[in-house]
Structures are given as structure tokens and as C-alpha cells.
Amino acid sequence: MDLDTKSKVSYGLGGFGKNVAYTFVASYTLYYYNTVLSISAAFIGTMLMAMRIFDAFNDPFMGVLVARTRSKHGKYKPWILSGAVLNALVIVAMFSVPKALSMGGVKTYVVITYLICGITYTLTDIPYWSIIPAITKPGKLREDLTVFARMFSGIGSGVPTVFTMFFVSLLGSGTGREAYRSGFSRLSVIIAVMYVSLTIITVLHIPDTKEDDGVLPTFGELFKALFKNDKALVVSLIIILFYSATSLTVNLVIYVFDYDISRADLYTPFMAVIGVMQLLPMLLYPWLRKFYSNRRIFIVGISLALIGYISLVFLIPVEKYSMALILLPCCLIAAANGTAYVLTTVLVADAVDYGEKKNGRRDNSMVSSLQTLMVKLSSAFAVFFSGLGIELIKITDTVSQSESTIRGLHIIFSIPSLLLAFGAIILLIRRKDI
């Protein structure tokens, strides 16, 4: 099946809107709950990890539902649109916590809304990525569509990372935490409207297929085929290790600027540079692919992250960071993350074809669900260890922090991520057919 530029761009726009919403939630939930609502970091970290693990294991079941869906609009589009609408509504609710609630009520409210947010996001995310191997074959067309999707998604991830705190301050009314509270709420409404609007463009302009429209597969058949696909499972382990490393960095860097560098105003320009560095390998990927295999590109990408984390480890004895000091290591990590955005999607889509050759089944949605499952698990582990680490090093509400707290922040900002990224590259090197 051939795809024109309009279809590719429309597909990419859906990824942009979806990732703006996802990154807004993933990157600022801990900060919002802890700093704005004054919930303890330990409670938040534990709660977020538990909810994300629960949500992550919903992904294969969503893959089954997609595989068994039969409608006049195909098996993917109905879920993509309905999931986006529901997810957008829940995101607004998450960042609009009623002021009248007691602390116990607030904790109950955030647990419920966060859980529903994860479930509704799964409704749209699994079919969105599952459609790639359904409408493309291995080779240039698949890689082109993946680049479009990941490039737009990568930009979408960068937008809230760079601009959230700027717009929260701009849209907020009142002072202190009250201004942040209203700012987050109003920004969530803007993001929700954009999210749904761009998803509508996607479903209107991409094709669908009706493969496997014969006998409906059973749940048991689908799960059995999934766990026979050893290539998909190894790729998934690489994803969880690497994204756990980079998710830790994203969760903790705002604390570095607030409490170590003590220049919250520099966070937005810093993240703008990081966003550009993350986008750069996506733009270069089609050119690099002319000369190098996906495997080699991925190995080099993760190696950049290792260099960045090793650099941060050597900076641990420094009494106080500056933006200039951590900019280059974080740029290398961001470039590695951009490389992973493209290549994990390509590798998972190729694992669908591998499964067809080995097991005689494609199982697009089931195999594709592994990618989102592992990304969510990595996010869960990252937010748990971020919250636990923040609690252990005893960050206070004051501007000035103790020397041991700053040293502890330097440690949790670098060493765990280094070990995780190292594990990812070992797996990648050992598996020769990736």
C-alpha cells in the first residue's frame, strides 16, 4: 500500500497531539502533585508506579481487543478517536483538582483520575502504533512513515517539556501555589482541545486495513503467539531499560534547576536546546539509513547516552551545577532518546514480520502493544525511583538545600540511569538480528 505525503503528515499530527498530552502528564504529574498540591513525594512515587504498572499490563489486553475488532471503519480508527476524546477529558480532570477536598480527598481523587487517564490513553495509543505494520511493508515506506510519526511525536514530547512552566505562569492567576494550580488547569484544557482536533485529522486521512477478517483469534492464541516472538520480547527489554534511564533524567532535571542551579528561569531555554537535540537524529535518520543499518545506528545512539551519563557521574563531586556544566551531557542523552524514538518503533514493526515467519501469525496489535507496555513500565519505575530518591535526599521547600541533599540529587540524577542504559546496550549487542 502506498501513502501520499498528506496521509503521512496527517498520521504524524496525531502523534504530535497524543505525545503533547502524554508528556504533559508523564513529566509534570510528580511536580504538580508534590509542589502544587503538597502531596508527599514518597506517596506520589509509589502511587504512580503502581498505577502505571497496572495500566501497562492492560496494553496486551487492548492489543487483543484491537485484533478482535470488526467495524465498517476498520479495527484501528474507532479506538484511536474514542480513546483520544476520553483521555483528553480525563487529563483536564487530573489537573483541575477541586479546592474543597481535604488531603485525604485529594489523594483519592488523584489516584482515581490517574488510573483512568492511563486506561483511556491505552485505548488510543495501542491502535495508533499498531496500524504501521498493517498499512506498510518492511522497507522504505515503513521507515518513512515511522520517521514522520516519531518526528512529529518527538516534537510533541518536546513542546510540553520546553513550554509548560512558561504557560503555567502565563495562564495562572493569583500568587504562589494558587497561580500554578490555575495555570496547570487552564493549560490542560488547551492541550485537550488540540489533542482531539489533531486526532480527528489523523483518522480522516489515513487508510485502514481489514486483515485477519476471518475467524476471530482467541485471547489464548494471541498471548501464546506473543510470547513465542522472542525478537519482540528482547526489543521490549531494551526499550524498558533505556526509557527508564531517560525518564529518570526528565523527572529529575526540573529539581536540579529548582534546587541546585537555583535558576528556574533557565529551565525553559535549557529544555528548548534539549528538544532540538532530540529532534535532530529524527531528521537525520533517513540520511543515516542510506549508509548504516538500524542496528548500528541504535548502538551509536545508546552509546551517546552512556557518554552523557558517565560525564554526569564524574560531575557528582561538584558542589553546585550550572546549566553550562550539564548542557552537553544532557544533549547527548537527548540525541540518544531521539534515535530510540524512531528505531524502537521500526524494530517493533519488524518484529511483527519476524513473528509471521516464525509462528505463521502477524498479530500487529499484540506485538505493538509490547512497545507501549514497556514504555509505561519504564515510566512507572522512573517516577517511583524519582519520588523515592527525592524523599530520601530530603529536599525541602526552601531555596537553599544542604550539601548532602545536593550531593544526593547529583547521584540519583546520574548513576541509576547510567546502569540502565548500559544494560540496554548489552542486550542490543548480544542480539545479532536486531
Protein backbone atom coordinates (compact mmCIF):
# COMPACT_ATOMS: atom_id res chain seq x y z
CA MET A 1 0.00 0.00 0.00
CA ASP A 2 1.34 3.41 -0.96
CA LEU A 3 0.85 6.50 1.18
CA ASP A 4 0.92 10.08 -0.06
CA THR A 5 2.51 12.93 1.87
CA LYS A 6 -0.88 14.12 3.14
CA SER A 7 -1.53 10.74 4.77
CA LYS A 8 1.94 10.65 6.34
CA VAL A 9 1.65 14.18 7.72
CA SER A 10 -1.88 13.51 8.99
CA TYR A 11 -0.65 10.42 10.78
CA GLY A 12 2.24 12.40 12.25
CA LEU A 13 -0.09 15.15 13.52
CA GLY A 14 -1.99 12.58 15.54
CA GLY A 15 1.28 11.50 17.13
CA PHE A 16 2.12 15.15 17.86
CA GLY A 17 -1.14 15.79 19.71
CA LYS A 18 -1.02 12.47 21.53
CA ASN A 19 2.55 12.99 22.74
CA VAL A 20 1.94 16.58 23.86
CA ALA A 21 -0.76 15.19 26.14
CA TYR A 22 1.26 12.17 27.24
CA THR A 23 4.44 14.11 28.02
CA PHE A 24 2.49 16.81 29.85
CA VAL A 25 1.14 14.11 32.17
CA ALA A 26 4.32 11.98 32.37
CA SER A 27 6.73 14.86 33.00
CA TYR A 28 4.70 17.10 35.31
CA THR A 29 2.44 14.83 37.36
CA LEU A 30 5.08 14.30 40.05
CA TYR A 31 5.90 18.02 40.15
CA TYR A 32 2.22 19.07 40.15
CA TYR A 33 1.15 16.65 42.86
CA ASN A 34 4.23 17.32 45.02
CA THR A 35 4.87 21.04 44.60
CA VAL A 36 1.38 22.39 43.82
CA LEU A 37 -0.85 20.02 45.83
CA SER A 38 1.72 19.37 48.61
CA ILE A 39 1.39 15.57 48.49
CA SER A 40 4.50 13.76 49.73
CA ALA A 41 6.91 12.61 47.02
CA ALA A 42 7.06 9.10 48.51
CA PHE A 43 3.27 8.66 48.29
CA ILE A 44 3.21 10.04 44.74
CA GLY A 45 6.11 7.91 43.55
CA THR A 46 4.58 4.73 44.96
CA MET A 47 1.11 5.57 43.65
CA LEU A 48 2.32 6.49 40.18
CA MET A 49 4.42 3.35 39.89
CA ALA A 50 1.53 1.12 40.96
CA MET A 51 -0.93 2.81 38.62
CA ARG A 52 1.43 2.75 35.64
CA ILE A 53 2.28 -0.92 36.14
CA PHE A 54 -1.44 -1.73 36.31
CA ASP A 55 -2.03 0.34 33.20
CA ALA A 56 0.96 -1.14 31.38
CA PHE A 57 -0.35 -4.67 31.72
CA ASN A 58 -3.61 -3.52 30.18
CA ASP A 59 -1.75 -2.95 26.92
CA PRO A 60 -1.67 -6.58 25.70
CA PHE A 61 -5.38 -6.87 26.52
CA MET A 62 -6.00 -3.76 24.46
CA GLY A 63 -3.98 -5.41 21.71
CA VAL A 64 -6.35 -8.35 21.88
CA LEU A 65 -9.41 -6.08 21.68
CA VAL A 66 -8.00 -4.33 18.62
CA ALA A 67 -7.18 -7.66 16.97
CA ARG A 68 -10.77 -8.83 17.53
CA THR A 69 -12.43 -5.57 16.45
CA ARG A 70 -14.61 -5.63 13.35
CA SER A 71 -16.31 -2.42 12.16
CA LYS A 72 -17.12 -0.65 8.92
CA HIS A 73 -14.33 1.82 9.75
CA GLY A 74 -11.74 -0.91 10.32
CA LYS A 75 -10.20 -2.11 13.55
CA TYR A 76 -7.94 0.86 14.38
CA LYS A 77 -9.69 4.18 13.72
CA PRO A 78 -12.64 3.77 16.13
CA TRP A 79 -10.28 3.15 19.04
CA ILE A 80 -7.84 5.91 18.05
CA LEU A 81 -10.56 8.58 18.08
CA SER A 82 -12.70 7.43 21.01
CA GLY A 83 -9.64 6.86 23.19
CA ALA A 84 -8.28 10.35 22.46
CA VAL A 85 -11.57 12.04 23.37
CA LEU A 86 -11.89 10.17 26.66
CA ASN A 87 -8.23 10.64 27.52
CA ALA A 88 -8.39 14.38 26.86
CA LEU A 89 -11.35 14.77 29.23
CA VAL A 90 -9.57 12.85 31.99
CA ILE A 91 -6.38 14.93 31.63
CA VAL A 92 -8.40 18.09 32.27
CA ALA A 93 -9.89 16.45 35.35
CA MET A 94 -6.43 15.40 36.59
CA PHE A 95 -5.11 18.95 36.59
CA SER A 96 -8.34 20.52 37.94
CA VAL A 97 -8.41 19.06 41.44
CA PRO A 98 -11.32 20.61 43.42
CA LYS A 99 -10.07 23.04 46.06
CA ALA A 100 -12.67 21.96 48.62
CA LEU A 101 -11.19 18.48 49.03
CA SER A 102 -9.28 17.52 52.17
CA MET A 103 -5.81 16.00 51.77
CA GLY A 104 -7.36 12.54 52.01
CA GLY A 105 -9.89 13.50 49.36
CA VAL A 106 -7.14 14.92 47.14
CA LYS A 107 -5.16 11.67 47.37
CA THR A 108 -8.24 9.61 46.47
CA TYR A 109 -9.05 11.96 43.59
CA VAL A 110 -5.56 11.81 42.08
CA VAL A 111 -5.38 8.01 42.37
CA ILE A 112 -8.70 7.56 40.55
CA THR A 113 -8.11 10.14 37.81
CA TYR A 114 -4.55 8.98 37.18
CA LEU A 115 -5.68 5.37 36.84
CA ILE A 116 -8.45 6.30 34.38
CA CYS A 117 -6.03 8.52 32.45
CA GLY A 118 -3.72 5.58 31.83
CA ILE A 119 -6.52 3.29 30.75
CA THR A 120 -8.01 5.81 28.31
CA TYR A 121 -4.60 6.62 26.85
CA THR A 122 -4.13 2.92 26.11
CA LEU A 123 -7.36 2.97 24.11
CA THR A 124 -5.82 5.34 21.57
CA ASP A 125 -2.11 4.57 21.80
CA ILE A 126 -2.13 0.83 21.03
CA PRO A 127 -4.15 1.10 17.79
CA TYR A 128 -2.22 4.22 16.73
CA TRP A 129 1.13 2.37 16.63
CA SER A 130 -0.40 -0.98 15.63
CA ILE A 131 -1.55 0.44 12.31
CA ILE A 132 2.02 0.94 10.98
CA PRO A 133 2.74 -2.73 10.15
CA ALA A 134 -0.86 -3.06 8.95
CA ILE A 135 -0.56 -0.41 6.22
CA THR A 136 3.13 -0.77 5.31
CA LYS A 137 5.61 -3.49 4.39
CA PRO A 138 9.21 -3.75 5.64
CA GLY A 139 11.47 -1.25 3.92
CA LYS A 140 11.48 2.39 2.92
CA LEU A 141 7.74 3.11 3.16
CA ARG A 142 7.54 1.76 6.71
CA GLU A 143 10.65 3.65 7.76
CA ASP A 144 9.36 6.85 6.13
CA LEU A 145 6.01 6.61 7.92
CA THR A 146 7.75 5.80 11.20
CA VAL A 147 10.06 8.81 10.78
CA PHE A 148 7.05 11.08 10.15
CA ALA A 149 5.24 9.69 13.18
CA ARG A 150 8.22 9.74 15.51
CA MET A 151 9.42 13.13 14.33
CA PHE A 152 6.02 14.70 14.98
CA SER A 153 5.70 12.73 18.22
CA GLY A 154 9.18 13.81 19.27
CA ILE A 155 8.29 17.45 18.66
CA GLY A 156 5.10 16.83 20.61
CA SER A 157 7.13 15.45 23.51
CA GLY A 158 9.39 18.47 23.41
CA VAL A 159 6.64 21.10 23.44
CA PRO A 160 5.36 20.49 27.00
CA THR A 161 8.89 19.81 28.23
CA VAL A 162 10.00 23.23 26.99
CA PHE A 163 6.93 25.41 27.39
CA THR A 164 4.80 24.00 30.24
CA MET A 165 6.18 26.12 33.06
CA PHE A 166 6.16 29.23 30.86
CA PHE A 167 2.47 28.80 30.02
CA VAL A 168 1.56 27.75 33.56
CA SER A 169 2.96 31.06 34.77
CA LEU A 170 1.32 32.97 31.93
CA LEU A 171 -2.13 31.42 32.37
CA GLY A 172 -2.12 31.24 36.18
CA SER A 173 -3.93 33.73 38.39
CA GLY A 174 -3.12 34.56 41.99
CA THR A 175 0.23 34.00 43.66
CA GLY A 176 2.44 31.09 44.64
CA ARG A 177 0.88 27.65 44.51
CA GLU A 178 -2.53 29.09 43.66
CA ALA A 179 -1.14 30.59 40.45
CA TYR A 180 0.43 27.27 39.50
CA ARG A 181 -2.80 25.44 40.29
CA SER A 182 -4.94 27.59 37.98
CA GLY A 183 -2.20 27.69 35.34
CA PHE A 184 -1.94 23.91 35.11
CA SER A 185 -5.74 23.60 34.91
CA ARG A 186 -6.12 26.10 32.07
CA LEU A 187 -3.18 24.68 30.15
CA SER A 188 -4.68 21.18 30.38
CA VAL A 189 -7.85 22.44 28.63
CA ILE A 190 -5.80 23.90 25.76
CA ILE A 191 -3.84 20.67 25.39
CA ALA A 192 -7.03 18.57 25.45
CA VAL A 193 -8.66 20.57 22.64
CA MET A 194 -5.53 20.37 20.47
CA TYR A 195 -5.18 16.64 21.19
CA VAL A 196 -8.69 15.78 19.99
CA SER A 197 -8.56 18.12 16.98
CA LEU A 198 -5.34 16.61 15.63
CA THR A 199 -6.60 13.06 16.23
CA ILE A 200 -9.65 13.83 14.08
CA ILE A 201 -7.32 14.90 11.25
CA THR A 202 -5.46 11.59 11.61
CA VAL A 203 -8.49 9.31 11.39
CA LEU A 204 -9.89 11.25 8.43
CA HIS A 205 -6.79 10.96 6.27
CA ILE A 206 -5.09 7.63 6.94
CA PRO A 207 -6.11 4.32 5.36
CA ASP A 208 -7.12 1.25 7.28
CA THR A 209 -6.92 -2.43 6.52
CA LYS A 210 -9.20 -5.31 7.34
CA GLU A 211 -6.59 -8.01 7.64
CA ASP A 212 -7.48 -11.18 9.53
CA ASP A 213 -11.18 -10.66 8.94
CA GLY A 214 -11.85 -14.39 9.01
CA VAL A 215 -12.04 -16.35 12.27
CA LEU A 216 -11.58 -14.19 15.36
CA PRO A 217 -8.45 -15.19 17.30
CA THR A 218 -8.95 -16.23 20.92
CA PHE A 219 -7.21 -14.48 23.81
CA GLY A 220 -5.15 -17.61 24.46
CA GLU A 221 -3.97 -17.87 20.84
CA LEU A 222 -2.88 -14.26 20.78
CA PHE A 223 -0.94 -14.38 24.04
CA LYS A 224 0.71 -17.67 23.10
CA ALA A 225 1.87 -16.23 19.77
CA LEU A 226 3.13 -13.10 21.52
CA PHE A 227 5.43 -14.98 23.90
CA LYS A 228 6.77 -17.13 21.07
CA ASN A 229 8.08 -13.98 19.38
CA ASP A 230 11.49 -13.87 21.07
CA LYS A 231 12.69 -10.94 18.96
CA ALA A 232 9.78 -8.78 20.12
CA LEU A 233 10.48 -9.69 23.74
CA VAL A 234 14.18 -8.75 23.52
CA VAL A 235 13.36 -5.45 21.82
CA SER A 236 10.88 -4.80 24.63
CA LEU A 237 13.52 -5.37 27.31
CA ILE A 238 15.85 -2.94 25.56
CA ILE A 239 13.03 -0.39 25.49
CA ILE A 240 12.26 -0.68 29.20
CA LEU A 241 15.91 -0.34 30.23
CA PHE A 242 16.68 2.61 28.00
CA TYR A 243 13.46 4.54 28.56
CA SER A 244 13.74 4.01 32.32
CA ALA A 245 17.12 5.74 32.12
CA THR A 246 15.91 8.74 30.13
CA SER A 247 12.61 9.01 32.05
CA LEU A 248 14.59 9.36 35.28
CA THR A 249 16.52 12.23 33.72
CA VAL A 250 13.33 14.01 32.59
CA ASN A 251 11.68 13.62 36.00
CA LEU A 252 14.68 14.91 37.95
CA VAL A 253 16.11 17.70 35.81
CA ILE A 254 13.44 20.21 36.94
CA TYR A 255 14.55 19.57 40.55
CA VAL A 256 18.15 20.24 39.52
CA PHE A 257 17.14 23.65 38.18
CA ASP A 258 14.88 24.50 41.12
CA TYR A 259 17.10 23.39 44.00
CA ASP A 260 20.69 23.01 42.75
CA ILE A 261 21.20 25.52 39.96
CA SER A 262 18.54 27.70 41.65
CA ARG A 263 17.61 29.27 38.33
CA ALA A 264 14.10 28.13 37.44
CA ASP A 265 14.07 30.78 34.70
CA LEU A 266 16.77 28.86 32.82
CA TYR A 267 14.77 25.62 32.70
CA THR A 268 12.74 26.62 29.63
CA PRO A 269 15.70 27.64 27.41
CA PHE A 270 17.64 24.58 28.60
CA MET A 271 14.79 22.26 27.62
CA ALA A 272 14.43 24.07 24.28
CA VAL A 273 18.02 23.10 23.44
CA ILE A 274 17.37 19.57 24.65
CA GLY A 275 14.26 19.40 22.46
CA VAL A 276 16.24 20.40 19.38
CA MET A 277 18.89 17.79 20.13
CA GLN A 278 16.21 15.13 20.49
CA LEU A 279 14.68 16.10 17.16
CA LEU A 280 18.00 16.21 15.27
CA PRO A 281 18.57 12.43 14.93
CA MET A 282 14.98 12.01 13.72
CA LEU A 283 15.66 14.47 10.92
CA LEU A 284 18.98 12.81 10.12
CA TYR A 285 17.67 9.25 10.24
CA PRO A 286 16.66 8.95 6.54
CA TRP A 287 20.14 10.10 5.52
CA LEU A 288 21.93 7.87 8.05
CA ARG A 289 19.86 4.90 6.92
CA LYS A 290 21.43 5.15 3.45
CA PHE A 291 24.82 4.24 4.91
CA TYR A 292 24.20 2.29 8.12
CA SER A 293 21.94 -0.46 9.42
CA ASN A 294 19.29 0.25 12.04
CA ARG A 295 21.29 -1.88 14.46
CA ARG A 296 24.44 0.22 14.07
CA ILE A 297 22.53 3.49 14.35
CA PHE A 298 20.87 2.28 17.55
CA ILE A 299 24.15 1.13 19.10
CA VAL A 300 25.74 4.51 18.38
CA GLY A 301 22.67 6.26 19.80
CA ILE A 302 22.74 4.41 23.11
CA SER A 303 26.50 4.92 23.25
CA LEU A 304 25.90 8.68 23.18
CA ALA A 305 23.64 8.33 26.20
CA LEU A 306 26.33 6.32 28.02
CA ILE A 307 28.87 9.07 27.37
CA GLY A 308 26.40 11.63 28.71
CA TYR A 309 25.68 9.68 31.89
CA ILE A 310 29.35 8.91 32.51
CA SER A 311 30.03 12.65 32.24
CA LEU A 312 27.33 13.36 34.83
CA VAL A 313 28.80 10.74 37.16
CA PHE A 314 32.17 12.47 37.04
CA LEU A 315 30.41 15.74 37.94
CA ILE A 316 28.97 14.34 41.19
CA PRO A 317 31.72 15.89 43.40
CA VAL A 318 30.96 19.36 42.03
CA GLU A 319 29.39 21.40 44.82
CA LYS A 320 26.89 23.17 42.58
CA TYR A 321 25.86 22.53 38.98
CA SER A 322 25.43 25.21 36.35
CA MET A 323 23.39 24.98 33.17
CA ALA A 324 26.57 25.10 31.07
CA LEU A 325 28.07 22.22 33.05
CA ILE A 326 25.23 19.75 32.39
CA LEU A 327 24.14 21.00 28.95
CA LEU A 328 26.47 18.86 26.81
CA PRO A 329 25.87 15.56 28.69
CA CYS A 330 22.11 16.13 28.58
CA CYS A 331 22.30 16.97 24.86
CA LEU A 332 23.97 13.63 24.20
CA ILE A 333 21.26 11.86 26.21
CA ALA A 334 18.56 13.74 24.29
CA ALA A 335 20.10 12.78 20.94
CA ALA A 336 20.12 9.14 22.04
CA ASN A 337 16.48 9.43 23.06
CA GLY A 338 15.56 10.85 19.65
CA THR A 339 17.30 7.93 17.97
CA ALA A 340 15.37 5.49 20.16
CA TYR A 341 12.05 7.16 19.33
CA VAL A 342 12.43 6.19 15.67
CA LEU A 343 14.24 2.89 15.94
CA THR A 344 12.16 1.20 18.64
CA THR A 345 9.06 1.71 16.50
CA VAL A 346 10.78 0.35 13.39
CA LEU A 347 12.17 -2.63 15.30
CA VAL A 348 8.82 -3.48 16.86
CA ALA A 349 7.10 -3.28 13.47
CA ASP A 350 9.78 -5.56 12.00
CA ALA A 351 9.20 -7.96 14.89
CA VAL A 352 5.63 -8.37 13.60
CA ASP A 353 7.04 -9.72 10.32
CA TYR A 354 9.51 -11.89 12.25
CA GLY A 355 6.60 -13.38 14.19
CA GLU A 356 4.74 -14.10 10.96
CA LYS A 357 7.71 -16.00 9.56
CA LYS A 358 8.33 -17.93 12.78
CA ASN A 359 4.78 -18.56 14.02
CA GLY A 360 2.64 -18.01 10.94
CA ARG A 361 0.84 -15.06 12.59
CA ARG A 362 1.23 -11.30 12.27
CA ASP A 363 -0.60 -10.16 15.42
CA ASN A 364 0.07 -6.46 14.75
CA SER A 365 -1.71 -5.07 17.77
CA MET A 366 -0.39 -7.65 20.22
CA VAL A 367 3.27 -7.21 19.28
CA SER A 368 2.91 -3.42 19.02
CA SER A 369 1.36 -3.36 22.49
CA LEU A 370 4.70 -4.57 23.90
CA GLN A 371 6.32 -1.26 23.00
CA THR A 372 3.77 0.84 24.86
CA LEU A 373 3.71 -1.64 27.75
CA MET A 374 7.47 -1.30 28.19
CA VAL A 375 7.46 2.49 27.81
CA LYS A 376 4.80 2.70 30.53
CA LEU A 377 6.67 0.30 32.79
CA SER A 378 9.84 2.32 32.36
CA SER A 379 7.92 5.49 33.17
CA ALA A 380 6.47 3.77 36.24
CA PHE A 381 9.86 2.71 37.56
CA ALA A 382 11.33 6.13 36.80
CA VAL A 383 8.66 8.09 38.63
CA PHE A 384 8.80 5.69 41.61
CA PHE A 385 12.57 5.95 42.00
CA SER A 386 12.42 9.72 41.38
CA GLY A 387 9.88 10.15 44.17
CA LEU A 388 11.73 7.78 46.48
CA GLY A 389 15.03 9.49 45.75
CA ILE A 390 13.62 12.96 46.37
CA GLU A 391 12.20 11.75 49.69
CA LEU A 392 15.49 10.10 50.72
CA ILE A 393 17.70 13.11 49.98
CA LYS A 394 15.26 15.32 51.94
CA ILE A 395 14.60 18.20 49.55
CA THR A 396 12.82 20.98 51.46
CA ASP A 397 10.58 23.84 50.32
CA THR A 398 13.33 26.35 50.95
CA VAL A 399 15.56 27.70 48.18
CA SER A 400 18.75 26.67 49.96
CA GLN A 401 19.42 22.92 50.34
CA SER A 402 22.00 21.12 52.46
CA GLU A 403 25.25 19.89 50.94
CA SER A 404 24.22 16.26 51.46
CA THR A 405 20.90 16.89 49.68
CA ILE A 406 22.63 18.41 46.65
CA ARG A 407 25.16 15.58 46.55
CA GLY A 408 22.30 13.08 46.75
CA LEU A 409 20.50 14.87 43.89
CA HIS A 410 23.65 14.58 41.76
CA ILE A 411 23.81 10.84 42.48
CA ILE A 412 20.18 9.99 41.65
CA PHE A 413 20.40 12.20 38.56
CA SER A 414 23.20 10.14 37.01
CA ILE A 415 24.19 6.72 38.41
CA PRO A 416 20.88 4.77 38.11
CA SER A 417 20.39 5.95 34.52
CA LEU A 418 23.95 5.00 33.60
CA LEU A 419 23.41 1.44 34.81
CA LEU A 420 20.10 1.11 32.97
CA ALA A 421 21.50 2.43 29.68
CA PHE A 422 24.45 0.08 30.00
CA GLY A 423 22.08 -2.86 30.38
CA ALA A 424 20.20 -1.79 27.24
CA ILE A 425 23.30 -1.68 25.05
CA ILE A 426 24.50 -5.08 26.33
CA LEU A 427 21.20 -6.66 25.26
CA LEU A 428 21.33 -4.93 21.89
CA ILE A 429 24.88 -6.09 21.19
CA ARG A 430 24.13 -9.69 22.20
CA ARG A 431 21.08 -9.96 19.91
CA LYS A 432 22.66 -10.06 16.44
CA ASP A 433 19.43 -9.99 14.41
CA ILE A 434 18.24 -6.62 15.77
